[in-house]
Amino acid sequence: MRYSKQHKAAIRQQIVDMAALRFRSEGIAAVGIANLMADLGLTHGGFYWHFKDKEELVGQVCLQAMQHMDEQWQQQREQAAPGLQRLQVAQHYLSILHRDFPDTGCIAAALAGELSRQGRQARQAFTVGLNQQLATLAVASQQDEAAGAAALSAEAQLCLMVGAVLLSRSVTDPELSNRLLSQAESLVGKHAETGHPDSGSQQSP
């Protein structure tokens, strides 16, 4: 039976979506192609109708997941008060909800350590997604500074947010975990204090 292009595209997207969920919750190395396809009721061989190999799948997962996160950040920017775009993004990202549900959250916080050991194709896809996110944060930084907030680079904020979430998920002390998130948010908030003294309060997305 020959399937339509639409059907093939839909199956490919199902594979990406399932892989994104399982990679984030279990790790890339722990997820085999055979059991991934079995989860979808598909054959192992059918995978190769859609992807050359696992590395291509990893790259596609990274790209789509990071684009989705970037879209969320753009929405947060649009909803923010003048001078508070970076803080709005940080509050959304540094939430307890995001920390506690890594399987649907940021791919960088979940998989950056493993991605550093992947092949060039997967890391290149991750780099494209990361640059897209940095561009969104750079716009937020420019807009905030135009509204009188202090400077904070896109690179600094991204490192701060991803590192805080990664560490908060790794410790066994709940109080320390919460403190890592709140301190990271507070640091972003200090760069938004000009004209907005109450900007550092914790919010959920």
C-alpha atoms as a PDB file:
ATOM      1  CA  MET A   1       0.000   0.000   0.000  1.00  0.00           C
ATOM      2  CA  ARG A   2       1.295   3.466  -0.904  1.00  0.00           C
ATOM      3  CA  TYR A   3       0.635   6.201   1.612  1.00  0.00           C
ATOM      4  CA  SER A   4       0.033   9.863   0.876  1.00  0.00           C
ATOM      5  CA  LYS A   5       2.627  12.523   1.651  1.00  0.00           C
ATOM      6  CA  GLN A   6       0.311  13.809   4.379  1.00  0.00           C
ATOM      7  CA  HIS A   7       0.145  10.383   6.017  1.00  0.00           C
ATOM      8  CA  LYS A   8       3.916   9.988   5.872  1.00  0.00           C
ATOM      9  CA  ALA A   9       4.410  13.460   7.373  1.00  0.00           C
ATOM     10  CA  ALA A  10       1.949  12.643  10.160  1.00  0.00           C
ATOM     11  CA  ILE A  11       3.788   9.409  11.035  1.00  0.00           C
ATOM     12  CA  ARG A  12       7.131  11.233  10.990  1.00  0.00           C
ATOM     13  CA  GLN A  13       5.755  13.828  13.410  1.00  0.00           C
ATOM     14  CA  GLN A  14       4.430  11.106  15.717  1.00  0.00           C
ATOM     15  CA  ILE A  15       7.923   9.599  15.852  1.00  0.00           C
ATOM     16  CA  VAL A  16       9.450  12.996  16.659  1.00  0.00           C
ATOM     17  CA  ASP A  17       6.873  13.701  19.372  1.00  0.00           C
ATOM     18  CA  MET A  18       7.329  10.316  21.046  1.00  0.00           C
ATOM     19  CA  ALA A  19      11.110  10.580  20.828  1.00  0.00           C
ATOM     20  CA  ALA A  20      11.031  14.066  22.361  1.00  0.00           C
ATOM     21  CA  LEU A  21       9.030  12.777  25.311  1.00  0.00           C
ATOM     22  CA  ARG A  22      11.200   9.715  25.886  1.00  0.00           C
ATOM     23  CA  PHE A  23      14.564  11.401  25.276  1.00  0.00           C
ATOM     24  CA  ARG A  24      13.782  14.049  27.875  1.00  0.00           C
ATOM     25  CA  SER A  25      12.467  11.595  30.453  1.00  0.00           C
ATOM     26  CA  GLU A  26      14.941   8.712  29.905  1.00  0.00           C
ATOM     27  CA  GLY A  27      17.932  10.146  28.027  1.00  0.00           C
ATOM     28  CA  ILE A  28      18.959   9.709  24.412  1.00  0.00           C
ATOM     29  CA  ALA A  29      21.159   6.640  24.888  1.00  0.00           C
ATOM     30  CA  ALA A  30      18.470   4.742  26.819  1.00  0.00           C
ATOM     31  CA  VAL A  31      15.901   4.948  24.022  1.00  0.00           C
ATOM     32  CA  GLY A  32      16.271   2.377  21.261  1.00  0.00           C
ATOM     33  CA  ILE A  33      14.684   2.697  17.836  1.00  0.00           C
ATOM     34  CA  ALA A  34      12.893  -0.651  18.114  1.00  0.00           C
ATOM     35  CA  ASN A  35      11.102   0.106  21.374  1.00  0.00           C
ATOM     36  CA  LEU A  36      10.410   3.692  20.294  1.00  0.00           C
ATOM     37  CA  MET A  37       8.618   2.440  17.195  1.00  0.00           C
ATOM     38  CA  ALA A  38       6.855  -0.265  19.213  1.00  0.00           C
ATOM     39  CA  ASP A  39       5.406   2.470  21.438  1.00  0.00           C
ATOM     40  CA  LEU A  40       3.718   3.834  18.329  1.00  0.00           C
ATOM     41  CA  GLY A  41       2.578   0.437  17.044  1.00  0.00           C
ATOM     42  CA  LEU A  42       5.063   0.642  14.178  1.00  0.00           C
ATOM     43  CA  THR A  43       7.834  -1.643  12.967  1.00  0.00           C
ATOM     44  CA  HIS A  44      11.543  -1.091  13.516  1.00  0.00           C
ATOM     45  CA  GLY A  45      12.162  -1.107   9.772  1.00  0.00           C
ATOM     46  CA  GLY A  46       9.518   1.537   9.229  1.00  0.00           C
ATOM     47  CA  PHE A  47      11.711   4.052  11.036  1.00  0.00           C
ATOM     48  CA  TYR A  48      14.063   4.218   8.073  1.00  0.00           C
ATOM     49  CA  TRP A  49      11.303   5.432   5.771  1.00  0.00           C
ATOM     50  CA  HIS A  50      11.412   8.656   7.777  1.00  0.00           C
ATOM     51  CA  PHE A  51      14.951   9.071   9.131  1.00  0.00           C
ATOM     52  CA  LYS A  52      18.393   8.039   7.977  1.00  0.00           C
ATOM     53  CA  ASP A  53      19.463   7.148  11.515  1.00  0.00           C
ATOM     54  CA  LYS A  54      18.940   7.973  15.174  1.00  0.00           C
ATOM     55  CA  GLU A  55      21.190  11.029  14.991  1.00  0.00           C
ATOM     56  CA  GLU A  56      18.924  12.623  12.392  1.00  0.00           C
ATOM     57  CA  LEU A  57      15.972  11.991  14.703  1.00  0.00           C
ATOM     58  CA  VAL A  58      17.825  13.547  17.651  1.00  0.00           C
ATOM     59  CA  GLY A  59      18.540  16.624  15.563  1.00  0.00           C
ATOM     60  CA  GLN A  60      14.912  16.978  14.518  1.00  0.00           C
ATOM     61  CA  VAL A  61      13.737  16.563  18.109  1.00  0.00           C
ATOM     62  CA  CYS A  62      16.140  19.290  19.245  1.00  0.00           C
ATOM     63  CA  LEU A  63      15.129  21.695  16.524  1.00  0.00           C
ATOM     64  CA  GLN A  64      11.384  21.308  17.049  1.00  0.00           C
ATOM     65  CA  ALA A  65      11.580  21.342  20.853  1.00  0.00           C
ATOM     66  CA  MET A  66      13.709  24.480  20.891  1.00  0.00           C
ATOM     67  CA  GLN A  67      11.467  26.217  18.376  1.00  0.00           C
ATOM     68  CA  HIS A  68       8.494  25.421  20.601  1.00  0.00           C
ATOM     69  CA  MET A  69      10.276  26.848  23.646  1.00  0.00           C
ATOM     70  CA  ASP A  70      11.224  29.924  21.647  1.00  0.00           C
ATOM     71  CA  GLU A  71       7.564  30.450  20.681  1.00  0.00           C
ATOM     72  CA  GLN A  72       6.643  30.345  24.381  1.00  0.00           C
ATOM     73  CA  TRP A  73       9.297  32.949  25.151  1.00  0.00           C
ATOM     74  CA  GLN A  74       8.004  35.214  22.406  1.00  0.00           C
ATOM     75  CA  GLN A  75       4.526  34.953  23.895  1.00  0.00           C
ATOM     76  CA  GLN A  76       5.909  35.855  27.315  1.00  0.00           C
ATOM     77  CA  ARG A  77       7.690  38.877  25.813  1.00  0.00           C
ATOM     78  CA  GLU A  78       4.486  40.101  24.210  1.00  0.00           C
ATOM     79  CA  GLN A  79       2.583  39.823  27.498  1.00  0.00           C
ATOM     80  CA  ALA A  80       5.212  41.608  29.588  1.00  0.00           C
ATOM     81  CA  ALA A  81       5.037  45.158  30.914  1.00  0.00           C
ATOM     82  CA  PRO A  82       7.655  47.644  29.619  1.00  0.00           C
ATOM     83  CA  GLY A  83      11.115  46.796  30.917  1.00  0.00           C
ATOM     84  CA  LEU A  84      10.077  43.368  32.179  1.00  0.00           C
ATOM     85  CA  GLN A  85      10.374  41.130  29.132  1.00  0.00           C
ATOM     86  CA  ARG A  86      13.455  39.264  30.355  1.00  0.00           C
ATOM     87  CA  LEU A  87      11.936  38.779  33.789  1.00  0.00           C
ATOM     88  CA  GLN A  88       8.679  37.482  32.308  1.00  0.00           C
ATOM     89  CA  VAL A  89      10.604  34.890  30.300  1.00  0.00           C
ATOM     90  CA  ALA A  90      12.667  33.939  33.368  1.00  0.00           C
ATOM     91  CA  GLN A  91       9.611  33.520  35.600  1.00  0.00           C
ATOM     92  CA  HIS A  92       8.000  31.255  33.015  1.00  0.00           C
ATOM     93  CA  TYR A  93      11.150  29.162  32.590  1.00  0.00           C
ATOM     94  CA  LEU A  94      12.197  29.008  36.253  1.00  0.00           C
ATOM     95  CA  SER A  95       8.830  27.834  37.510  1.00  0.00           C
ATOM     96  CA  ILE A  96       8.285  24.834  39.781  1.00  0.00           C
ATOM     97  CA  LEU A  97       6.064  23.358  37.059  1.00  0.00           C
ATOM     98  CA  HIS A  98       8.885  23.404  34.526  1.00  0.00           C
ATOM     99  CA  ARG A  99      11.324  21.900  37.013  1.00  0.00           C
ATOM    100  CA  ASP A 100       9.002  19.070  37.968  1.00  0.00           C
ATOM    101  CA  PHE A 101       7.996  18.014  34.439  1.00  0.00           C
ATOM    102  CA  PRO A 102      11.210  17.700  32.411  1.00  0.00           C
ATOM    103  CA  ASP A 103       9.637  15.364  29.853  1.00  0.00           C
ATOM    104  CA  THR A 104       7.687  18.285  28.383  1.00  0.00           C
ATOM    105  CA  GLY A 105      10.159  21.079  29.125  1.00  0.00           C
ATOM    106  CA  CYS A 106      13.362  22.586  27.814  1.00  0.00           C
ATOM    107  CA  ILE A 107      15.491  20.213  25.748  1.00  0.00           C
ATOM    108  CA  ALA A 108      18.690  22.030  26.748  1.00  0.00           C
ATOM    109  CA  ALA A 109      18.103  21.587  30.480  1.00  0.00           C
ATOM    110  CA  ALA A 110      17.193  17.931  29.951  1.00  0.00           C
ATOM    111  CA  LEU A 111      19.764  16.820  27.394  1.00  0.00           C
ATOM    112  CA  ALA A 112      22.643  19.290  26.936  1.00  0.00           C
ATOM    113  CA  GLY A 113      25.095  16.965  28.695  1.00  0.00           C
ATOM    114  CA  GLU A 114      24.258  14.079  26.374  1.00  0.00           C
ATOM    115  CA  LEU A 115      24.108  16.280  23.293  1.00  0.00           C
ATOM    116  CA  SER A 116      27.731  17.272  23.802  1.00  0.00           C
ATOM    117  CA  ARG A 117      28.593  13.630  23.013  1.00  0.00           C
ATOM    118  CA  GLN A 118      26.341  13.335  19.959  1.00  0.00           C
ATOM    119  CA  GLY A 119      27.491  13.631  16.352  1.00  0.00           C
ATOM    120  CA  ARG A 120      27.854  16.861  14.447  1.00  0.00           C
ATOM    121  CA  GLN A 121      24.423  16.684  12.803  1.00  0.00           C
ATOM    122  CA  ALA A 122      22.555  16.556  16.110  1.00  0.00           C
ATOM    123  CA  ARG A 123      24.741  19.258  17.668  1.00  0.00           C
ATOM    124  CA  GLN A 124      24.290  21.471  14.622  1.00  0.00           C
ATOM    125  CA  ALA A 125      20.504  21.245  14.958  1.00  0.00           C
ATOM    126  CA  PHE A 126      20.843  22.096  18.648  1.00  0.00           C
ATOM    127  CA  THR A 127      23.051  25.076  17.746  1.00  0.00           C
ATOM    128  CA  VAL A 128      20.452  26.403  15.311  1.00  0.00           C
ATOM    129  CA  GLY A 129      17.750  26.175  17.970  1.00  0.00           C
ATOM    130  CA  LEU A 130      19.976  27.777  20.595  1.00  0.00           C
ATOM    131  CA  ASN A 131      20.802  30.709  18.336  1.00  0.00           C
ATOM    132  CA  GLN A 132      17.101  31.218  17.690  1.00  0.00           C
ATOM    133  CA  GLN A 133      16.429  31.372  21.426  1.00  0.00           C
ATOM    134  CA  LEU A 134      19.341  33.773  21.944  1.00  0.00           C
ATOM    135  CA  ALA A 135      17.899  36.041  19.270  1.00  0.00           C
ATOM    136  CA  THR A 136      14.570  36.175  21.117  1.00  0.00           C
ATOM    137  CA  LEU A 137      16.309  36.963  24.415  1.00  0.00           C
ATOM    138  CA  ALA A 138      18.432  39.607  22.682  1.00  0.00           C
ATOM    139  CA  VAL A 139      15.281  41.382  21.488  1.00  0.00           C
ATOM    140  CA  ALA A 140      13.895  41.213  25.030  1.00  0.00           C
ATOM    141  CA  SER A 141      17.154  42.680  26.348  1.00  0.00           C
ATOM    142  CA  GLN A 142      17.078  45.534  23.830  1.00  0.00           C
ATOM    143  CA  GLN A 143      13.455  46.337  24.597  1.00  0.00           C
ATOM    144  CA  ASP A 144      14.053  46.255  28.361  1.00  0.00           C
ATOM    145  CA  GLU A 145      17.097  48.512  28.118  1.00  0.00           C
ATOM    146  CA  ALA A 146      15.110  50.948  25.973  1.00  0.00           C
ATOM    147  CA  ALA A 147      12.575  51.065  28.836  1.00  0.00           C
ATOM    148  CA  GLY A 148      15.322  51.911  31.323  1.00  0.00           C
ATOM    149  CA  ALA A 149      16.252  48.481  32.698  1.00  0.00           C
ATOM    150  CA  ALA A 150      19.877  47.522  33.324  1.00  0.00           C
ATOM    151  CA  ALA A 151      21.845  45.487  30.792  1.00  0.00           C
ATOM    152  CA  LEU A 152      21.795  41.687  30.872  1.00  0.00           C
ATOM    153  CA  SER A 153      22.989  39.822  27.796  1.00  0.00           C
ATOM    154  CA  ALA A 154      20.986  37.077  26.135  1.00  0.00           C
ATOM    155  CA  GLU A 155      23.852  34.639  26.640  1.00  0.00           C
ATOM    156  CA  ALA A 156      24.071  35.405  30.365  1.00  0.00           C
ATOM    157  CA  GLN A 157      20.335  34.948  30.892  1.00  0.00           C
ATOM    158  CA  LEU A 158      20.198  31.702  28.943  1.00  0.00           C
ATOM    159  CA  CYS A 159      23.114  30.202  30.871  1.00  0.00           C
ATOM    160  CA  LEU A 160      21.586  31.349  34.154  1.00  0.00           C
ATOM    161  CA  MET A 161      18.160  29.874  33.427  1.00  0.00           C
ATOM    162  CA  VAL A 162      19.280  26.551  31.970  1.00  0.00           C
ATOM    163  CA  GLY A 163      21.876  26.020  34.684  1.00  0.00           C
ATOM    164  CA  ALA A 164      19.412  26.782  37.465  1.00  0.00           C
ATOM    165  CA  VAL A 165      16.804  24.347  36.135  1.00  0.00           C
ATOM    166  CA  LEU A 166      19.378  21.627  35.522  1.00  0.00           C
ATOM    167  CA  LEU A 167      20.810  21.917  39.044  1.00  0.00           C
ATOM    168  CA  SER A 168      17.395  22.250  40.692  1.00  0.00           C
ATOM    169  CA  ARG A 169      16.394  18.908  39.166  1.00  0.00           C
ATOM    170  CA  SER A 170      19.607  17.212  40.271  1.00  0.00           C
ATOM    171  CA  VAL A 171      19.589  17.844  44.022  1.00  0.00           C
ATOM    172  CA  THR A 172      17.664  15.888  46.670  1.00  0.00           C
ATOM    173  CA  ASP A 173      17.074  18.868  48.984  1.00  0.00           C
ATOM    174  CA  PRO A 174      13.724  20.512  48.066  1.00  0.00           C
ATOM    175  CA  GLU A 175      14.625  23.759  49.812  1.00  0.00           C
ATOM    176  CA  LEU A 176      17.898  24.027  47.901  1.00  0.00           C
ATOM    177  CA  SER A 177      16.128  23.179  44.659  1.00  0.00           C
ATOM    178  CA  ASN A 178      13.612  25.980  45.182  1.00  0.00           C
ATOM    179  CA  ARG A 179      16.364  28.377  46.197  1.00  0.00           C
ATOM    180  CA  LEU A 180      18.339  27.726  43.009  1.00  0.00           C
ATOM    181  CA  LEU A 181      15.322  28.720  40.940  1.00  0.00           C
ATOM    182  CA  SER A 182      14.397  31.754  43.018  1.00  0.00           C
ATOM    183  CA  GLN A 183      17.947  33.108  43.121  1.00  0.00           C
ATOM    184  CA  ALA A 184      18.282  32.830  39.361  1.00  0.00           C
ATOM    185  CA  GLU A 185      14.989  34.671  38.931  1.00  0.00           C
ATOM    186  CA  SER A 186      16.057  37.281  41.456  1.00  0.00           C
ATOM    187  CA  LEU A 187      19.247  37.980  39.518  1.00  0.00           C
ATOM    188  CA  VAL A 188      17.281  38.567  36.328  1.00  0.00           C
ATOM    189  CA  GLY A 189      14.852  40.706  38.315  1.00  0.00           C
ATOM    190  CA  LYS A 190      17.646  42.952  39.598  1.00  0.00           C
ATOM    191  CA  HIS A 191      18.297  43.955  36.011  1.00  0.00           C
ATOM    192  CA  ALA A 192      14.663  45.028  35.726  1.00  0.00           C
ATOM    193  CA  GLU A 193      14.489  47.078  38.932  1.00  0.00           C
ATOM    194  CA  THR A 194      14.902  50.491  37.316  1.00  0.00           C
ATOM    195  CA  GLY A 195      11.436  51.959  37.510  1.00  0.00           C
ATOM    196  CA  HIS A 196       9.993  48.569  38.535  1.00  0.00           C
ATOM    197  CA  PRO A 197      10.934  47.887  42.199  1.00  0.00           C
ATOM    198  CA  ASP A 198       8.421  45.059  42.600  1.00  0.00           C
ATOM    199  CA  SER A 199       9.481  43.075  39.529  1.00  0.00           C
ATOM    200  CA  GLY A 200      11.253  40.165  41.230  1.00  0.00           C
ATOM    201  CA  SER A 201       8.275  38.242  42.584  1.00  0.00           C
ATOM    202  CA  GLN A 202       7.959  34.511  41.785  1.00  0.00           C
ATOM    203  CA  GLN A 203       5.293  33.517  39.296  1.00  0.00           C
ATOM    204  CA  SER A 204       4.215  30.301  37.585  1.00  0.00           C
ATOM    205  CA  PRO A 205       3.796  30.202  33.794  1.00  0.00           C
END
